[in-house]
Protein backbone atom coordinates (compact mmCIF):
# COMPACT_ATOMS: atom_id res chain seq x y z
CA MET A 1 6.40 23.49 -29.64
CA LEU A 2 4.37 23.68 -32.78
CA THR A 3 4.65 26.62 -35.14
CA THR A 4 1.71 28.90 -36.12
CA VAL A 5 1.06 26.69 -39.70
CA GLU A 6 1.49 23.62 -38.09
CA ILE A 7 -1.13 24.61 -35.55
CA LEU A 8 -3.43 25.86 -38.34
CA LYS A 9 -2.78 22.74 -40.17
CA LYS A 10 -3.68 20.26 -37.28
CA VAL A 11 -6.80 22.87 -36.40
CA LYS A 12 -7.93 21.85 -39.86
CA GLU A 13 -7.37 18.30 -39.79
CA LEU A 14 -9.10 17.95 -36.58
CA GLU A 15 -12.16 20.08 -37.68
CA ILE A 16 -12.23 17.57 -41.22
CA LYS A 17 -12.10 14.57 -39.26
CA SER A 18 -14.41 15.44 -36.08
CA LYS A 19 -17.08 17.02 -38.80
CA ARG A 20 -16.80 13.41 -40.49
CA LEU A 21 -17.30 11.46 -37.68
CA THR A 22 -20.10 13.57 -36.46
CA ARG A 23 -22.07 13.54 -39.73
CA HIS A 24 -21.47 9.77 -40.74
CA LEU A 25 -21.26 8.13 -37.35
CA PHE A 26 -22.88 10.30 -34.82
CA THR A 27 -25.82 11.26 -36.69
CA GLY A 28 -28.75 11.48 -33.55
CA GLU A 29 -26.84 9.60 -31.51
CA TYR A 30 -25.29 11.98 -29.39
CA HIS A 31 -28.83 13.81 -29.42
CA SER A 32 -30.76 10.84 -28.19
CA ALA A 33 -27.96 10.01 -25.63
CA PHE A 34 -28.18 13.08 -23.90
CA LYS A 35 -32.05 14.63 -23.04
CA GLY A 36 -32.57 18.45 -22.48
CA ARG A 37 -32.96 20.01 -19.55
CA GLY A 38 -36.78 19.38 -18.97
CA MET A 39 -40.08 19.94 -21.02
CA SER A 40 -41.32 23.69 -21.74
CA PHE A 41 -44.97 24.07 -22.56
CA ARG A 42 -45.96 24.90 -26.00
CA GLU A 43 -49.57 25.00 -26.50
CA VAL A 44 -53.17 23.48 -25.40
CA ARG A 45 -55.43 21.55 -27.91
CA GLU A 46 -58.59 19.63 -27.76
CA TYR A 47 -58.04 16.49 -25.95
CA ALA A 48 -57.58 13.13 -28.30
CA ALA A 49 -58.04 9.65 -27.17
CA GLY A 50 -54.69 8.52 -25.97
CA ASP A 51 -53.93 11.82 -24.31
CA ASP A 52 -52.03 11.55 -20.73
CA ILE A 53 -55.08 12.65 -18.26
CA ARG A 54 -52.59 14.13 -16.23
CA PHE A 55 -51.64 17.05 -18.87
CA ILE A 56 -55.72 17.96 -19.13
CA ASP A 57 -55.28 21.85 -18.47
CA TRP A 58 -58.66 21.91 -16.23
CA ASN A 59 -58.70 25.84 -16.58
CA VAL A 60 -59.28 26.08 -20.03
CA SER A 61 -61.35 23.05 -20.09
CA ALA A 62 -63.75 24.44 -17.84
CA ARG A 63 -63.89 27.91 -19.51
CA PHE A 64 -64.78 26.09 -23.05
CA ASN A 65 -66.59 23.32 -21.65
CA HIS A 66 -64.34 20.50 -23.28
CA PRO A 67 -61.37 18.92 -22.45
CA PHE A 68 -58.06 20.21 -23.65
CA SER A 69 -54.59 18.81 -23.07
CA LYS A 70 -51.37 20.74 -22.53
CA LEU A 71 -48.39 19.98 -25.05
CA PHE A 72 -45.01 20.18 -24.24
CA GLU A 73 -41.68 19.76 -26.01
CA GLU A 74 -37.84 18.99 -24.76
CA GLU A 75 -35.88 21.91 -24.21
CA ARG A 76 -33.06 20.68 -26.48
CA GLU A 77 -30.42 23.53 -25.74
CA LEU A 78 -27.59 21.91 -23.46
CA THR A 79 -24.41 22.85 -22.21
CA VAL A 80 -21.54 20.65 -22.68
CA MET A 81 -18.04 21.14 -20.42
CA LEU A 82 -15.13 19.17 -21.50
CA MET A 83 -12.62 18.67 -18.23
CA VAL A 84 -9.07 17.99 -19.99
CA ASP A 85 -5.97 16.65 -17.70
CA VAL A 86 -2.89 18.68 -19.13
CA SER A 87 -0.36 17.32 -16.34
CA ALA A 88 2.57 15.82 -17.22
CA SER A 89 1.60 12.40 -17.58
CA SER A 90 -0.63 13.27 -20.47
CA LEU A 91 2.19 13.51 -22.41
CA PHE A 92 3.06 10.03 -22.32
CA GLY A 93 2.40 7.57 -24.90
CA THR A 94 4.39 4.53 -26.73
CA VAL A 95 1.87 3.05 -29.30
CA HIS A 96 0.42 5.31 -31.89
CA ALA A 97 -0.53 8.54 -29.73
CA ARG A 98 0.11 10.35 -26.46
CA LYS A 99 -2.72 10.19 -24.19
CA LYS A 100 -2.74 14.16 -24.75
CA ASP A 101 -3.29 13.21 -28.63
CA LEU A 102 -5.93 10.92 -27.85
CA ILE A 103 -7.91 13.55 -25.53
CA THR A 104 -7.48 16.22 -27.78
CA GLU A 105 -9.06 14.40 -30.97
CA VAL A 106 -11.89 13.07 -28.61
CA CYS A 107 -12.65 16.77 -27.29
CA ALA A 108 -12.54 17.90 -30.68
CA VAL A 109 -15.58 15.43 -31.70
CA LEU A 110 -17.46 15.70 -28.50
CA ALA A 111 -17.23 19.85 -29.24
CA PHE A 112 -18.24 19.43 -32.76
CA SER A 113 -21.22 16.86 -32.04
CA ALA A 114 -22.57 19.17 -29.40
CA VAL A 115 -22.32 22.35 -31.63
CA ASN A 116 -24.15 20.65 -34.46
CA ASN A 117 -27.09 19.97 -32.14
CA ASN A 118 -26.90 24.16 -31.24
CA ASP A 119 -25.33 23.01 -27.65
CA LYS A 120 -22.83 25.42 -25.38
CA VAL A 121 -19.44 24.39 -25.07
CA GLY A 122 -17.01 25.24 -22.32
CA CYS A 123 -13.62 23.89 -21.41
CA ILE A 124 -12.00 23.58 -17.90
CA PHE A 125 -8.02 22.90 -18.47
CA PHE A 126 -6.26 21.57 -15.02
CA SER A 127 -3.11 20.25 -13.69
CA ASP A 128 -2.76 19.97 -9.80
CA LYS A 129 -4.70 23.60 -9.96
CA VAL A 130 -6.85 24.99 -13.09
CA GLU A 131 -4.79 26.14 -15.58
CA SER A 132 -7.52 27.78 -18.07
CA TYR A 133 -11.19 28.23 -17.97
CA ILE A 134 -13.30 28.85 -21.36
CA PRO A 135 -16.74 29.80 -20.58
CA PRO A 136 -19.76 27.87 -22.28
CA LYS A 137 -20.56 29.46 -25.78
CA LYS A 138 -22.37 28.10 -29.08
CA GLY A 139 -20.79 28.16 -32.47
CA LYS A 140 -18.24 26.76 -34.94
CA GLU A 141 -15.81 29.94 -34.06
CA HIS A 142 -15.77 29.27 -30.49
CA VAL A 143 -15.04 25.34 -30.78
CA LEU A 144 -12.13 26.16 -33.30
CA TYR A 145 -10.89 28.01 -30.72
CA ILE A 146 -11.19 25.39 -27.70
CA VAL A 147 -9.38 23.43 -30.59
CA ARG A 148 -6.54 25.63 -30.57
CA GLN A 149 -6.11 25.55 -26.84
CA LEU A 150 -6.20 21.77 -26.69
CA LEU A 151 -3.27 22.03 -29.16
CA THR A 152 -1.21 24.88 -27.47
CA ILE A 153 -1.83 25.20 -24.15
CA GLU A 154 1.20 24.79 -21.77
CA PRO A 155 0.30 24.14 -18.38
CA LYS A 156 2.09 26.22 -15.45
CA ARG A 157 2.13 22.95 -13.12
CA LYS A 158 2.88 19.23 -13.93
CA GLY A 159 0.86 17.54 -11.11
CA THR A 160 -2.60 16.14 -11.00
CA ASN A 161 -5.20 17.24 -8.79
CA LEU A 162 -8.86 15.96 -9.86
CA ASN A 163 -10.48 16.98 -6.68
CA GLU A 164 -9.43 20.78 -7.40
CA ALA A 165 -10.83 20.86 -10.72
CA ILE A 166 -14.15 19.05 -10.20
CA ARG A 167 -14.47 21.63 -7.08
CA PHE A 168 -14.04 24.37 -9.60
CA LEU A 169 -16.68 22.72 -12.15
CA ASN A 170 -18.98 22.57 -8.92
CA GLY A 171 -18.53 26.54 -8.56
CA ALA A 172 -18.73 27.37 -11.90
CA ALA A 173 -21.16 25.91 -13.43
CA ARG A 174 -24.65 26.91 -12.24
CA GLN A 175 -26.60 25.22 -14.58
CA LYS A 176 -27.32 21.70 -15.16
CA GLY A 177 -24.72 20.25 -18.31
CA ILE A 178 -23.35 17.41 -19.49
CA VAL A 179 -19.57 17.16 -18.42
CA PHE A 180 -16.80 14.89 -20.03
CA LEU A 181 -13.96 14.16 -17.57
CA LEU A 182 -10.73 13.24 -19.54
CA SER A 183 -7.75 11.80 -17.58
CA ASP A 184 -5.44 9.09 -16.75
CA PHE A 185 -6.95 9.19 -13.29
CA LEU A 186 -3.33 9.14 -12.03
CA ASP A 187 -3.79 11.80 -8.93
CA GLY A 188 -0.86 12.92 -6.86
CA ASN A 189 -3.08 14.02 -4.21
CA GLY A 190 -4.46 10.84 -2.84
CA ASP A 191 -4.53 7.46 -5.45
CA GLN A 192 -2.04 4.70 -6.62
CA ARG A 193 0.29 6.33 -8.99
CA GLN A 194 1.98 4.24 -10.63
CA ARG A 195 5.32 5.57 -10.12
CA ALA A 196 7.25 2.85 -10.03
CA PRO A 197 6.14 -1.04 -9.13
CA ARG A 198 5.46 -1.90 -5.77
CA PRO A 199 4.18 -5.02 -4.14
CA ALA A 200 0.33 -5.25 -4.69
CA SER A 201 -0.25 -5.62 -1.14
CA ALA A 202 0.87 -2.03 -0.41
CA PRO A 203 -1.51 -0.33 1.37
CA ARG A 204 -4.24 1.34 -1.11
CA SER A 205 -4.96 4.77 -0.71
CA GLU A 206 -8.14 6.50 -1.64
CA PRO A 207 -8.23 9.08 -4.48
CA GLY A 208 -9.28 12.33 -3.41
CA PHE A 209 -11.92 13.29 -5.73
CA GLU A 210 -14.81 11.17 -4.60
CA ASP A 211 -16.94 13.49 -2.38
CA ALA A 212 -16.47 16.60 -4.98
CA LEU A 213 -17.67 13.84 -7.73
CA LYS A 214 -20.45 12.87 -5.69
CA VAL A 215 -21.78 16.45 -5.44
CA ALA A 216 -21.07 17.35 -9.41
CA GLY A 217 -22.87 13.87 -10.02
CA LYS A 218 -26.02 14.91 -8.22
CA LYS A 219 -26.24 18.08 -10.74
CA HIS A 220 -24.44 17.13 -13.63
CA ASP A 221 -24.52 14.39 -16.37
CA MET A 222 -20.64 13.41 -15.57
CA ILE A 223 -18.85 10.98 -18.00
CA GLY A 224 -15.47 10.14 -17.16
CA ILE A 225 -13.13 8.94 -19.96
CA LYS A 226 -10.11 6.87 -18.68
CA VAL A 227 -7.19 7.52 -21.03
CA TYR A 228 -4.47 5.15 -20.63
CA ASP A 229 -1.21 3.92 -22.53
CA LYS A 230 -0.53 -0.05 -23.14
CA MET A 231 2.62 0.47 -21.13
CA ASP A 232 0.51 2.17 -17.66
CA MET A 233 -0.71 -1.43 -17.81
CA GLN A 234 2.03 -3.87 -18.91
CA LEU A 235 6.19 -3.26 -18.75
CA PRO A 236 8.05 -5.01 -21.25
CA ALA A 237 10.86 -7.15 -20.10
CA ILE A 238 13.86 -5.05 -21.30
CA GLY A 239 16.46 -5.37 -18.28
CA MET A 240 17.32 -2.88 -15.79
CA VAL A 241 15.56 0.81 -16.62
CA GLU A 242 15.96 3.96 -14.90
CA ALA A 243 12.37 5.59 -15.03
CA GLU A 244 11.39 9.17 -14.62
CA ASP A 245 7.85 10.03 -12.86
CA SER A 246 7.11 12.88 -15.33
CA GLU A 247 4.94 14.80 -12.56
CA THR A 248 7.43 14.73 -9.84
CA GLY A 249 10.79 14.23 -11.17
CA SER A 250 11.58 11.41 -8.88
CA ARG A 251 13.71 8.45 -10.69
CA TYR A 252 13.58 4.69 -9.98
CA TRP A 253 15.54 1.75 -10.93
CA VAL A 254 13.20 -0.85 -12.30
CA ASP A 255 14.31 -4.64 -13.35
CA THR A 256 11.85 -5.13 -15.67
CA ASN A 257 13.03 -8.94 -16.18
CA ASP A 258 11.87 -9.87 -13.05
CA TYR A 259 8.65 -11.46 -13.50
CA LEU A 260 7.27 -10.12 -10.03
CA VAL A 261 7.57 -6.55 -10.66
CA ARG A 262 6.39 -6.65 -13.88
CA THR A 263 3.03 -8.97 -12.37
CA ASN A 264 2.83 -6.47 -9.27
CA TYR A 265 2.90 -3.52 -11.85
CA GLN A 266 0.31 -4.74 -13.97
CA GLN A 267 -1.66 -5.64 -10.46
CA TYR A 268 -1.29 -2.16 -9.01
CA PHE A 269 -2.96 -0.89 -12.41
CA PHE A 270 -5.69 -2.91 -12.34
CA ASN A 271 -6.26 -2.05 -8.60
CA HIS A 272 -6.48 1.45 -9.88
CA THR A 273 -8.83 1.12 -12.63
CA GLU A 274 -10.98 -0.75 -10.03
CA GLN A 275 -11.02 1.86 -7.54
CA CYS A 276 -11.75 4.43 -10.30
CA LYS A 277 -14.80 2.12 -11.42
CA SER A 278 -15.92 2.17 -8.05
CA ILE A 279 -16.01 6.15 -7.53
CA PHE A 280 -17.62 6.98 -10.38
CA GLN A 281 -20.35 4.25 -9.51
CA LYS A 282 -21.08 5.23 -6.42
CA ALA A 283 -21.30 8.79 -7.52
CA GLY A 284 -23.99 7.81 -9.92
CA CYS A 285 -21.49 8.63 -13.36
CA ASP A 286 -20.28 6.70 -16.37
CA LEU A 287 -16.70 5.79 -16.79
CA LEU A 288 -15.46 4.91 -20.32
CA HIS A 289 -11.70 3.53 -20.88
CA LEU A 290 -9.93 4.43 -23.98
CA ARG A 291 -6.24 2.79 -24.50
CA THR A 292 -4.16 5.03 -26.77
CA ASP A 293 -4.04 2.21 -29.50
CA GLU A 294 -7.73 1.61 -29.76
CA ASP A 295 -10.37 2.92 -31.81
CA TYR A 296 -12.27 5.70 -29.39
CA VAL A 297 -14.70 6.19 -32.15
CA LYS A 298 -16.33 2.39 -31.79
CA ILE A 299 -16.19 3.04 -27.95
CA LEU A 300 -17.76 6.43 -28.27
CA GLN A 301 -20.34 5.06 -30.54
CA ARG A 302 -21.46 1.83 -28.44
CA PHE A 303 -21.76 4.31 -25.48
CA PHE A 304 -23.99 6.77 -27.20
CA VAL A 305 -26.24 3.97 -28.42
CA GLY A 306 -26.14 2.23 -25.20
CA ARG A 307 -27.17 5.08 -23.25
CA HIS A 308 -30.19 6.05 -25.68
CA ARG A 309 -31.34 1.98 -25.72
CA PRO A 310 -34.73 1.73 -23.26
CA GLY A 311 -33.96 0.07 -20.02
């Protein structure tokens, strides 16, 4: 557990890094990637060649016997919600960082990007229940509070229930917002967990959050960020090992030297990844993939730029 001094130091480090990335890499890109809630009326002015005739104000035009156009401006203020998986599997990591560390850093960057654009930021921490909810607010101090919570939260439960977390979002967030859902999506309530290698032909069960995500996707701009470790995908050949599921405590003996075991394990990961992609696609939502040893900055930047590019 981190001491107060270590927490403050880590918060400062994340603040400095996030601000640098926001200033030098994401300038304008975050702003361009996410449109405001709509257009608000600003004023009327005399009609000029090229104005859209749909925006002619016929009442004002009739009064002055001359065409006038309505001018609109984008409502920029947005609400950004971070949904953070704090289940026990987020503590896993074999290269560079744990999944939790990557999620914390990405959340800090997204929160500072939002606050730089004068947007509100909130946070939902979840395991197999909602552990904590921070309502959206503006300001640097609020973001620093969220970062401190990201670093120090100690969940009461170990499991994962994405359905419950998304249903909580649907009830709590009244207005349309931008929602980042950060998780490894290893949901103990229906999907294929990689507790131990199983035959690739084993019955596939559908993750249990599909319906809730469809509801959320109609209301919000939903972006899933699937965080995974290299060993989630590939078992090293290191002989017979005893593995423990961090969320259930179940133990398994696994012969990692067995080629078929390693192949099935990898296929299991690919099956789960395809399921997640399919669920997000059907819900009309985006899904990014971040590995703990990859450069998340490039992936986020590519996503922001891609969203802004016409067509």
